[in-house]
All heavy atoms as atom14 arrays in JSON, in Angstrom:
{
  "sequence": "YIAGRLIRQLWESGSVSYILATDIRPPSIQFSDKVEFASWDVTESS",
  "atom14_mask": [
    [1, 1, 1, 1, 1, 1, 1, 1, 1, 1, 1, 1, 0, 0],
    [1, 1, 1, 1, 1, 1, 1, 1, 0, 0, 0, 0, 0, 0],
    [1, 1, 1, 1, 1, 0, 0, 0, 0, 0, 0, 0, 0, 0],
    [1, 1, 1, 1, 0, 0, 0, 0, 0, 0, 0, 0, 0, 0],
    [1, 1, 1, 1, 1, 1, 1, 1, 1, 1, 1, 0, 0, 0],
    [1, 1, 1, 1, 1, 1, 1, 1, 0, 0, 0, 0, 0, 0],
    [1, 1, 1, 1, 1, 1, 1, 1, 0, 0, 0, 0, 0, 0],
    [1, 1, 1, 1, 1, 1, 1, 1, 1, 1, 1, 0, 0, 0],
    [1, 1, 1, 1, 1, 1, 1, 1, 1, 0, 0, 0, 0, 0],
    [1, 1, 1, 1, 1, 1, 1, 1, 0, 0, 0, 0, 0, 0],
    [1, 1, 1, 1, 1, 1, 1, 1, 1, 1, 1, 1, 1, 1],
    [1, 1, 1, 1, 1, 1, 1, 1, 1, 0, 0, 0, 0, 0],
    [1, 1, 1, 1, 1, 1, 0, 0, 0, 0, 0, 0, 0, 0],
    [1, 1, 1, 1, 0, 0, 0, 0, 0, 0, 0, 0, 0, 0],
    [1, 1, 1, 1, 1, 1, 0, 0, 0, 0, 0, 0, 0, 0],
    [1, 1, 1, 1, 1, 1, 1, 0, 0, 0, 0, 0, 0, 0],
    [1, 1, 1, 1, 1, 1, 0, 0, 0, 0, 0, 0, 0, 0],
    [1, 1, 1, 1, 1, 1, 1, 1, 1, 1, 1, 1, 0, 0],
    [1, 1, 1, 1, 1, 1, 1, 1, 0, 0, 0, 0, 0, 0],
    [1, 1, 1, 1, 1, 1, 1, 1, 0, 0, 0, 0, 0, 0],
    [1, 1, 1, 1, 1, 0, 0, 0, 0, 0, 0, 0, 0, 0],
    [1, 1, 1, 1, 1, 1, 1, 0, 0, 0, 0, 0, 0, 0],
    [1, 1, 1, 1, 1, 1, 1, 1, 0, 0, 0, 0, 0, 0],
    [1, 1, 1, 1, 1, 1, 1, 1, 0, 0, 0, 0, 0, 0],
    [1, 1, 1, 1, 1, 1, 1, 1, 1, 1, 1, 0, 0, 0],
    [1, 1, 1, 1, 1, 1, 1, 0, 0, 0, 0, 0, 0, 0],
    [1, 1, 1, 1, 1, 1, 1, 0, 0, 0, 0, 0, 0, 0],
    [1, 1, 1, 1, 1, 1, 0, 0, 0, 0, 0, 0, 0, 0],
    [1, 1, 1, 1, 1, 1, 1, 1, 0, 0, 0, 0, 0, 0],
    [1, 1, 1, 1, 1, 1, 1, 1, 1, 0, 0, 0, 0, 0],
    [1, 1, 1, 1, 1, 1, 1, 1, 1, 1, 1, 0, 0, 0],
    [1, 1, 1, 1, 1, 1, 0, 0, 0, 0, 0, 0, 0, 0],
    [1, 1, 1, 1, 1, 1, 1, 1, 0, 0, 0, 0, 0, 0],
    [1, 1, 1, 1, 1, 1, 1, 1, 1, 0, 0, 0, 0, 0],
    [1, 1, 1, 1, 1, 1, 1, 0, 0, 0, 0, 0, 0, 0],
    [1, 1, 1, 1, 1, 1, 1, 1, 1, 0, 0, 0, 0, 0],
    [1, 1, 1, 1, 1, 1, 1, 1, 1, 1, 1, 0, 0, 0],
    [1, 1, 1, 1, 1, 0, 0, 0, 0, 0, 0, 0, 0, 0],
    [1, 1, 1, 1, 1, 1, 0, 0, 0, 0, 0, 0, 0, 0],
    [1, 1, 1, 1, 1, 1, 1, 1, 1, 1, 1, 1, 1, 1],
    [1, 1, 1, 1, 1, 1, 1, 1, 0, 0, 0, 0, 0, 0],
    [1, 1, 1, 1, 1, 1, 1, 0, 0, 0, 0, 0, 0, 0],
    [1, 1, 1, 1, 1, 1, 1, 0, 0, 0, 0, 0, 0, 0],
    [1, 1, 1, 1, 1, 1, 1, 1, 1, 0, 0, 0, 0, 0],
    [1, 1, 1, 1, 1, 1, 0, 0, 0, 0, 0, 0, 0, 0],
    [1, 1, 1, 1, 1, 1, 0, 0, 0, 0, 0, 0, 0, 0]
  ],
  "atom14_positions": [
    [[8.05, -1.46, 7.59], [9.0, -0.47, 7.11], [9.56, -0.79, 5.57], [9.73, 0.07, 4.84], [10.19, -0.16, 8.09], [11.39, -0.87, 7.89], [12.45, -0.27, 7.32], [11.6, -2.09, 8.47], [13.68, -0.98, 7.04], [12.76, -2.9, 8.25], [13.84, -2.24, 7.54], [15.01, -2.96, 7.32], [0.0, 0.0, 0.0], [0.0, 0.0, 0.0]],
    [[9.7, -2.05, 5.42], [10.05, -2.41, 4.04], [8.92, -2.11, 3.01], [9.18, -1.62, 1.92], [10.49, -3.98, 3.96], [11.83, -4.18, 4.75], [10.6, -4.46, 2.51], [13.01, -3.38, 4.13], [0.0, 0.0, 0.0], [0.0, 0.0, 0.0], [0.0, 0.0, 0.0], [0.0, 0.0, 0.0], [0.0, 0.0, 0.0], [0.0, 0.0, 0.0]],
    [[7.71, -2.46, 3.41], [6.61, -2.21, 2.49], [6.42, -0.71, 2.25], [6.2, -0.36, 1.06], [5.37, -2.78, 3.19], [0.0, 0.0, 0.0], [0.0, 0.0, 0.0], [0.0, 0.0, 0.0], [0.0, 0.0, 0.0], [0.0, 0.0, 0.0], [0.0, 0.0, 0.0], [0.0, 0.0, 0.0], [0.0, 0.0, 0.0], [0.0, 0.0, 0.0]],
    [[6.74, 0.04, 3.23], [6.65, 1.44, 3.1], [7.66, 2.0, 2.08], [7.26, 2.79, 1.16], [0.0, 0.0, 0.0], [0.0, 0.0, 0.0], [0.0, 0.0, 0.0], [0.0, 0.0, 0.0], [0.0, 0.0, 0.0], [0.0, 0.0, 0.0], [0.0, 0.0, 0.0], [0.0, 0.0, 0.0], [0.0, 0.0, 0.0], [0.0, 0.0, 0.0]],
    [[8.81, 1.47, 2.12], [10.0, 1.97, 1.19], [9.51, 1.42, -0.21], [9.77, 2.13, -1.22], [11.29, 1.28, 1.62], [11.79, 1.95, 2.96], [13.1, 1.36, 3.34], [14.14, 1.79, 2.44], [14.78, 2.91, 2.54], [14.51, 3.75, 3.55], [15.74, 3.14, 1.71], [0.0, 0.0, 0.0], [0.0, 0.0, 0.0], [0.0, 0.0, 0.0]],
    [[9.01, 0.22, -0.36], [8.67, -0.37, -1.57], [7.53, 0.52, -2.26], [7.48, 0.79, -3.4], [8.22, -1.82, -1.47], [7.81, -2.54, -2.71], [8.9, -2.53, -3.63], [7.36, -3.88, -2.39], [0.0, 0.0, 0.0], [0.0, 0.0, 0.0], [0.0, 0.0, 0.0], [0.0, 0.0, 0.0], [0.0, 0.0, 0.0], [0.0, 0.0, 0.0]],
    [[6.46, 0.76, -1.45], [5.38, 1.49, -2.04], [5.86, 2.94, -2.57], [5.32, 3.33, -3.56], [4.3, 1.74, -0.84], [3.58, 0.48, -0.5], [3.2, 2.85, -1.39], [2.6, 0.5, 0.7], [0.0, 0.0, 0.0], [0.0, 0.0, 0.0], [0.0, 0.0, 0.0], [0.0, 0.0, 0.0], [0.0, 0.0, 0.0], [0.0, 0.0, 0.0]],
    [[6.74, 3.55, -1.84], [7.21, 4.9, -2.22], [7.93, 4.64, -3.64], [7.81, 5.6, -4.34], [8.16, 5.52, -1.18], [7.48, 6.07, -0.15], [8.38, 6.98, 0.76], [9.44, 6.15, 1.4], [9.33, 5.63, 2.61], [8.18, 5.83, 3.37], [10.24, 4.88, 3.16], [0.0, 0.0, 0.0], [0.0, 0.0, 0.0], [0.0, 0.0, 0.0]],
    [[8.67, 3.65, -3.76], [9.36, 3.38, -5.09], [8.33, 3.1, -6.22], [8.47, 3.56, -7.28], [10.37, 2.34, -5.0], [11.05, 1.92, -6.39], [12.43, 1.31, -6.18], [13.18, 1.7, -5.26], [12.75, 0.43, -7.1], [0.0, 0.0, 0.0], [0.0, 0.0, 0.0], [0.0, 0.0, 0.0], [0.0, 0.0, 0.0], [0.0, 0.0, 0.0]],
    [[7.33, 2.21, -5.88], [6.42, 1.7, -6.99], [5.56, 2.85, -7.39], [5.09, 2.83, -8.61], [5.69, 0.54, -6.41], [6.5, -0.7, -6.27], [5.61, -1.82, -5.74], [7.31, -1.11, -7.45], [0.0, 0.0, 0.0], [0.0, 0.0, 0.0], [0.0, 0.0, 0.0], [0.0, 0.0, 0.0], [0.0, 0.0, 0.0], [0.0, 0.0, 0.0]],
    [[5.11, 3.79, -6.57], [4.21, 4.75, -6.96], [4.88, 5.74, -8.04], [4.13, 6.44, -8.79], [3.43, 5.45, -5.97], [4.15, 6.59, -5.15], [4.95, 7.48, -5.6], [4.01, 6.81, -3.76], [5.38, 8.32, -4.62], [4.79, 7.92, -3.44], [3.31, 6.23, -2.71], [4.83, 8.56, -2.23], [3.38, 6.74, -1.36], [4.26, 7.87, -1.25]],
    [[6.2, 5.75, -8.02], [6.87, 6.59, -9.05], [7.07, 5.9, -10.37], [7.58, 6.43, -11.33], [8.1, 7.09, -8.39], [8.05, 8.02, -7.14], [9.3, 8.34, -6.55], [10.33, 7.78, -7.0], [9.32, 9.12, -5.56], [0.0, 0.0, 0.0], [0.0, 0.0, 0.0], [0.0, 0.0, 0.0], [0.0, 0.0, 0.0], [0.0, 0.0, 0.0]],
    [[6.69, 4.56, -10.39], [7.06, 3.84, -11.56], [5.91, 3.83, -12.57], [4.68, 3.75, -12.22], [7.21, 2.3, -11.1], [7.27, 1.52, -12.27], [0.0, 0.0, 0.0], [0.0, 0.0, 0.0], [0.0, 0.0, 0.0], [0.0, 0.0, 0.0], [0.0, 0.0, 0.0], [0.0, 0.0, 0.0], [0.0, 0.0, 0.0], [0.0, 0.0, 0.0]],
    [[6.24, 4.01, -13.81], [5.17, 4.11, -14.83], [4.69, 2.71, -15.2], [3.65, 2.7, -15.86], [0.0, 0.0, 0.0], [0.0, 0.0, 0.0], [0.0, 0.0, 0.0], [0.0, 0.0, 0.0], [0.0, 0.0, 0.0], [0.0, 0.0, 0.0], [0.0, 0.0, 0.0], [0.0, 0.0, 0.0], [0.0, 0.0, 0.0], [0.0, 0.0, 0.0]],
    [[5.31, 1.59, -14.72], [4.85, 0.36, -14.89], [3.78, -0.07, -13.95], [3.33, -1.28, -14.03], [6.0, -0.7, -14.97], [6.58, -0.76, -13.57], [0.0, 0.0, 0.0], [0.0, 0.0, 0.0], [0.0, 0.0, 0.0], [0.0, 0.0, 0.0], [0.0, 0.0, 0.0], [0.0, 0.0, 0.0], [0.0, 0.0, 0.0], [0.0, 0.0, 0.0]],
    [[3.47, 0.68, -12.97], [2.46, 0.5, -11.89], [1.44, 1.52, -11.88], [1.64, 2.73, -11.88], [3.14, 0.41, -10.51], [2.12, 0.26, -9.49], [4.17, -0.76, -10.44], [0.0, 0.0, 0.0], [0.0, 0.0, 0.0], [0.0, 0.0, 0.0], [0.0, 0.0, 0.0], [0.0, 0.0, 0.0], [0.0, 0.0, 0.0], [0.0, 0.0, 0.0]],
    [[0.14, 1.02, -12.08], [-0.92, 1.99, -12.14], [-1.79, 2.16, -10.86], [-2.47, 3.13, -10.69], [-1.95, 1.57, -13.31], [-2.54, 0.36, -13.11], [0.0, 0.0, 0.0], [0.0, 0.0, 0.0], [0.0, 0.0, 0.0], [0.0, 0.0, 0.0], [0.0, 0.0, 0.0], [0.0, 0.0, 0.0], [0.0, 0.0, 0.0], [0.0, 0.0, 0.0]],
    [[-1.59, 1.0, -10.05], [-2.53, 1.06, -8.86], [-1.83, 0.13, -7.75], [-1.29, -1.0, -8.06], [-3.93, 0.47, -9.2], [-4.8, 0.31, -7.98], [-5.55, 1.4, -7.47], [-4.94, -0.92, -7.44], [-6.36, 1.27, -6.3], [-5.79, -1.15, -6.3], [-6.51, 0.02, -5.79], [-7.36, -0.25, -4.72], [0.0, 0.0, 0.0], [0.0, 0.0, 0.0]],
    [[-1.85, 0.61, -6.5], [-1.36, -0.11, -5.4], [-2.4, -0.28, -4.32], [-2.85, 0.78, -3.77], [-0.09, 0.49, -4.84], [1.07, 0.66, -5.85], [0.38, -0.39, -3.59], [2.19, 1.45, -5.34], [0.0, 0.0, 0.0], [0.0, 0.0, 0.0], [0.0, 0.0, 0.0], [0.0, 0.0, 0.0], [0.0, 0.0, 0.0], [0.0, 0.0, 0.0]],
    [[-2.79, -1.46, -3.89], [-3.77, -1.76, -2.91], [-2.87, -2.13, -1.61], [-2.21, -3.17, -1.61], [-4.69, -2.92, -3.09], [-5.6, -3.27, -2.05], [-6.62, -2.14, -1.73], [-6.39, -4.53, -2.37], [0.0, 0.0, 0.0], [0.0, 0.0, 0.0], [0.0, 0.0, 0.0], [0.0, 0.0, 0.0], [0.0, 0.0, 0.0], [0.0, 0.0, 0.0]],
    [[-2.83, -1.21, -0.59], [-1.99, -1.45, 0.54], [-2.89, -2.06, 1.63], [-3.93, -1.24, 2.01], [-1.32, -0.09, 1.06], [0.0, 0.0, 0.0], [0.0, 0.0, 0.0], [0.0, 0.0, 0.0], [0.0, 0.0, 0.0], [0.0, 0.0, 0.0], [0.0, 0.0, 0.0], [0.0, 0.0, 0.0], [0.0, 0.0, 0.0], [0.0, 0.0, 0.0]],
    [[-2.65, -3.28, 2.07], [-3.4, -3.87, 3.07], [-2.7, -4.16, 4.44], [-1.53, -4.46, 4.4], [-4.04, -5.12, 2.61], [-3.14, -6.17, 2.71], [-4.63, -5.09, 1.23], [0.0, 0.0, 0.0], [0.0, 0.0, 0.0], [0.0, 0.0, 0.0], [0.0, 0.0, 0.0], [0.0, 0.0, 0.0], [0.0, 0.0, 0.0], [0.0, 0.0, 0.0]],
    [[-3.32, -3.88, 5.59], [-2.79, -4.22, 6.93], [-3.88, -3.99, 7.85], [-5.01, -3.66, 7.49], [-1.6, -3.18, 7.15], [-0.59, -3.85, 8.06], [-0.96, -4.57, 9.03], [0.68, -3.75, 7.8], [0.0, 0.0, 0.0], [0.0, 0.0, 0.0], [0.0, 0.0, 0.0], [0.0, 0.0, 0.0], [0.0, 0.0, 0.0], [0.0, 0.0, 0.0]],
    [[-3.56, -4.3, 9.08], [-4.52, -4.05, 10.17], [-4.61, -2.54, 10.55], [-5.56, -2.15, 11.26], [-4.29, -4.98, 11.38], [-2.89, -4.68, 11.91], [-4.45, -6.42, 11.05], [-2.65, -5.47, 13.2], [0.0, 0.0, 0.0], [0.0, 0.0, 0.0], [0.0, 0.0, 0.0], [0.0, 0.0, 0.0], [0.0, 0.0, 0.0], [0.0, 0.0, 0.0]],
    [[-3.56, -1.79, 10.15], [-3.63, -0.37, 10.49], [-2.93, 0.36, 9.25], [-2.15, -0.21, 8.54], [-2.78, -0.01, 11.76], [-1.31, -0.35, 11.58], [-0.63, -0.14, 12.89], [0.83, -0.19, 12.75], [1.51, -1.37, 12.78], [0.73, -2.51, 12.96], [2.75, -1.55, 12.71], [0.0, 0.0, 0.0], [0.0, 0.0, 0.0], [0.0, 0.0, 0.0]],
    [[-3.37, 1.59, 9.05], [-2.73, 2.27, 7.82], [-1.29, 2.59, 7.92], [-0.8, 2.79, 8.98], [-3.63, 3.62, 7.83], [-4.8, 3.38, 8.73], [-4.33, 2.47, 9.74], [0.0, 0.0, 0.0], [0.0, 0.0, 0.0], [0.0, 0.0, 0.0], [0.0, 0.0, 0.0], [0.0, 0.0, 0.0], [0.0, 0.0, 0.0], [0.0, 0.0, 0.0]],
    [[-0.63, 2.55, 6.82], [0.84, 2.97, 6.83], [0.88, 4.43, 7.22], [0.06, 5.24, 7.07], [1.29, 2.74, 5.38], [0.28, 1.77, 4.76], [-1.06, 2.12, 5.49], [0.0, 0.0, 0.0], [0.0, 0.0, 0.0], [0.0, 0.0, 0.0], [0.0, 0.0, 0.0], [0.0, 0.0, 0.0], [0.0, 0.0, 0.0], [0.0, 0.0, 0.0]],
    [[2.1, 4.74, 7.8], [2.41, 6.15, 8.23], [2.76, 7.12, 7.11], [2.68, 8.2, 7.29], [3.41, 6.09, 9.28], [4.64, 5.62, 8.83], [0.0, 0.0, 0.0], [0.0, 0.0, 0.0], [0.0, 0.0, 0.0], [0.0, 0.0, 0.0], [0.0, 0.0, 0.0], [0.0, 0.0, 0.0], [0.0, 0.0, 0.0], [0.0, 0.0, 0.0]],
    [[3.11, 6.47, 6.0], [3.52, 7.24, 4.78], [2.32, 8.05, 4.19], [1.15, 7.57, 4.36], [4.24, 6.45, 3.8], [3.29, 5.4, 3.16], [5.47, 5.82, 4.3], [3.9, 4.67, 1.94], [0.0, 0.0, 0.0], [0.0, 0.0, 0.0], [0.0, 0.0, 0.0], [0.0, 0.0, 0.0], [0.0, 0.0, 0.0], [0.0, 0.0, 0.0]],
    [[2.62, 9.16, 3.56], [1.59, 9.88, 2.86], [1.33, 9.22, 1.55], [2.24, 8.97, 0.79], [1.98, 11.4, 2.61], [0.88, 12.3, 2.2], [-0.01, 12.66, 3.39], [0.37, 12.59, 4.55], [-1.4, 12.9, 3.01], [0.0, 0.0, 0.0], [0.0, 0.0, 0.0], [0.0, 0.0, 0.0], [0.0, 0.0, 0.0], [0.0, 0.0, 0.0]],
    [[0.02, 8.88, 1.18], [-0.35, 8.25, 0.01], [-0.15, 9.21, -1.16], [-0.4, 10.31, -1.15], [-1.75, 7.71, 0.09], [-1.82, 6.46, 0.87], [-3.09, 6.43, 1.75], [-0.87, 5.47, 1.03], [-3.17, 5.3, 2.49], [-1.18, 4.38, 1.77], [-2.24, 4.22, 2.59], [0.0, 0.0, 0.0], [0.0, 0.0, 0.0], [0.0, 0.0, 0.0]],
    [[0.04, 8.41, -2.33], [-0.05, 9.11, -3.69], [-1.47, 8.76, -4.26], [-2.22, 7.87, -3.68], [1.02, 8.72, -4.65], [0.78, 7.52, -5.18], [0.0, 0.0, 0.0], [0.0, 0.0, 0.0], [0.0, 0.0, 0.0], [0.0, 0.0, 0.0], [0.0, 0.0, 0.0], [0.0, 0.0, 0.0], [0.0, 0.0, 0.0], [0.0, 0.0, 0.0]],
    [[-1.82, 9.23, -5.35], [-3.18, 9.05, -5.88], [-3.14, 7.55, -6.32], [-4.29, 6.95, -6.62], [-3.41, 9.87, -7.09], [-3.59, 11.41, -6.71], [-3.9, 11.58, -5.53], [-3.41, 12.29, -7.63], [0.0, 0.0, 0.0], [0.0, 0.0, 0.0], [0.0, 0.0, 0.0], [0.0, 0.0, 0.0], [0.0, 0.0, 0.0], [0.0, 0.0, 0.0]],
    [[-2.06, 6.93, -6.62], [-2.0, 5.52, -7.03], [-2.38, 4.51, -5.89], [-2.6, 3.38, -6.19], [-0.63, 5.18, -7.53], [-0.28, 5.7, -8.95], [1.1, 5.15, -9.38], [1.43, 5.56, -10.7], [2.8, 5.06, -11.08], [0.0, 0.0, 0.0], [0.0, 0.0, 0.0], [0.0, 0.0, 0.0], [0.0, 0.0, 0.0], [0.0, 0.0, 0.0]],
    [[-2.3, 4.97, -4.72], [-2.33, 4.0, -3.56], [-3.66, 4.12, -2.77], [-4.13, 5.23, -2.42], [-1.18, 4.26, -2.58], [-1.13, 3.19, -1.42], [0.21, 4.28, -3.33], [0.0, 0.0, 0.0], [0.0, 0.0, 0.0], [0.0, 0.0, 0.0], [0.0, 0.0, 0.0], [0.0, 0.0, 0.0], [0.0, 0.0, 0.0], [0.0, 0.0, 0.0]],
    [[-4.24, 2.88, -2.57], [-5.53, 2.94, -1.74], [-5.22, 1.96, -0.59], [-4.59, 0.84, -0.74], [-6.67, 2.38, -2.63], [-7.93, 2.32, -1.77], [-9.0, 1.73, -2.67], [-8.91, 1.59, -3.81], [-10.1, 1.52, -2.1], [0.0, 0.0, 0.0], [0.0, 0.0, 0.0], [0.0, 0.0, 0.0], [0.0, 0.0, 0.0], [0.0, 0.0, 0.0]],
    [[-5.62, 2.37, 0.66], [-5.46, 1.54, 1.81], [-6.74, 0.76, 2.2], [-7.89, 1.27, 2.01], [-5.08, 2.4, 3.06], [-5.08, 1.46, 4.35], [-4.15, 0.55, 4.57], [-6.05, 1.61, 5.29], [-4.12, -0.26, 5.78], [-6.17, 0.87, 6.42], [-5.05, -0.08, 6.61], [0.0, 0.0, 0.0], [0.0, 0.0, 0.0], [0.0, 0.0, 0.0]],
    [[-6.58, -0.62, 2.4], [-7.75, -1.38, 2.69], [-7.37, -2.15, 4.04], [-6.3, -2.83, 4.06], [-8.13, -2.33, 1.72], [0.0, 0.0, 0.0], [0.0, 0.0, 0.0], [0.0, 0.0, 0.0], [0.0, 0.0, 0.0], [0.0, 0.0, 0.0], [0.0, 0.0, 0.0], [0.0, 0.0, 0.0], [0.0, 0.0, 0.0], [0.0, 0.0, 0.0]],
    [[-8.2, -1.96, 5.1], [-7.89, -2.72, 6.39], [-8.19, -4.19, 6.23], [-9.38, -4.58, 5.82], [-8.7, -2.09, 7.52], [-8.49, -2.79, 8.76], [0.0, 0.0, 0.0], [0.0, 0.0, 0.0], [0.0, 0.0, 0.0], [0.0, 0.0, 0.0], [0.0, 0.0, 0.0], [0.0, 0.0, 0.0], [0.0, 0.0, 0.0], [0.0, 0.0, 0.0]],
    [[-7.14, -5.04, 6.49], [-7.42, -6.42, 6.31], [-6.35, -7.16, 7.23], [-5.18, -7.02, 7.14], [-7.09, -6.9, 4.93], [-7.36, -8.36, 4.7], [-8.25, -9.18, 5.41], [-6.69, -9.22, 3.76], [-8.24, -10.42, 4.92], [-7.28, -10.53, 3.94], [-5.72, -9.06, 2.77], [-6.82, -11.6, 3.13], [-5.35, -10.14, 2.03], [-5.92, -11.39, 2.16]],
    [[-7.01, -7.92, 8.13], [-6.22, -8.82, 8.99], [-6.22, -10.14, 8.26], [-7.16, -10.81, 7.98], [-7.0, -9.03, 10.35], [-6.3, -9.99, 11.27], [-5.4, -10.66, 10.77], [-6.62, -10.0, 12.48], [0.0, 0.0, 0.0], [0.0, 0.0, 0.0], [0.0, 0.0, 0.0], [0.0, 0.0, 0.0], [0.0, 0.0, 0.0], [0.0, 0.0, 0.0]],
    [[-4.99, -10.61, 7.76], [-4.87, -11.71, 6.9], [-5.36, -13.02, 7.57], [-5.65, -14.0, 6.96], [-3.54, -11.88, 6.34], [-3.11, -10.71, 5.42], [-2.5, -12.06, 7.49], [0.0, 0.0, 0.0], [0.0, 0.0, 0.0], [0.0, 0.0, 0.0], [0.0, 0.0, 0.0], [0.0, 0.0, 0.0], [0.0, 0.0, 0.0], [0.0, 0.0, 0.0]],
    [[-5.49, -13.02, 8.94], [-6.02, -14.22, 9.58], [-7.47, -14.45, 9.34], [-8.04, -15.53, 9.56], [-5.83, -14.14, 11.09], [-6.57, -13.06, 11.67], [-4.25, -13.96, 11.41], [0.0, 0.0, 0.0], [0.0, 0.0, 0.0], [0.0, 0.0, 0.0], [0.0, 0.0, 0.0], [0.0, 0.0, 0.0], [0.0, 0.0, 0.0], [0.0, 0.0, 0.0]],
    [[-8.13, -13.4, 8.78], [-9.54, -13.37, 8.37], [-9.72, -13.66, 6.94], [-9.04, -12.91, 6.15], [-10.23, -12.23, 8.89], [-10.23, -11.96, 10.38], [-10.91, -12.98, 11.21], [-11.84, -13.7, 10.72], [-10.39, -13.21, 12.34], [0.0, 0.0, 0.0], [0.0, 0.0, 0.0], [0.0, 0.0, 0.0], [0.0, 0.0, 0.0], [0.0, 0.0, 0.0]],
    [[-10.52, -14.66, 6.56], [-10.65, -14.87, 5.07], [-11.36, -13.75, 4.34], [-12.44, -13.1, 4.89], [-11.53, -16.19, 4.92], [-11.67, -16.45, 3.49], [0.0, 0.0, 0.0], [0.0, 0.0, 0.0], [0.0, 0.0, 0.0], [0.0, 0.0, 0.0], [0.0, 0.0, 0.0], [0.0, 0.0, 0.0], [0.0, 0.0, 0.0], [0.0, 0.0, 0.0]],
    [[-10.88, -13.33, 3.26], [-11.45, -12.2, 2.53], [-11.2, -12.56, 1.02], [-10.44, -11.87, 0.21], [-10.85, -10.83, 2.82], [-11.51, -9.82, 2.09], [0.0, 0.0, 0.0], [0.0, 0.0, 0.0], [0.0, 0.0, 0.0], [0.0, 0.0, 0.0], [0.0, 0.0, 0.0], [0.0, 0.0, 0.0], [0.0, 0.0, 0.0], [0.0, 0.0, 0.0]]
  ]
}
């Protein structure tokens, strides 16, 4: 829930051009064009 609030704030910022959101499941928030989701379990090396 903290990451979701942060993403919403950052995608409105002119100082951020792109956000890669990673987790084992997609966030429930609606993405903006700046945000891309990538499924990643951090216990696995990537």
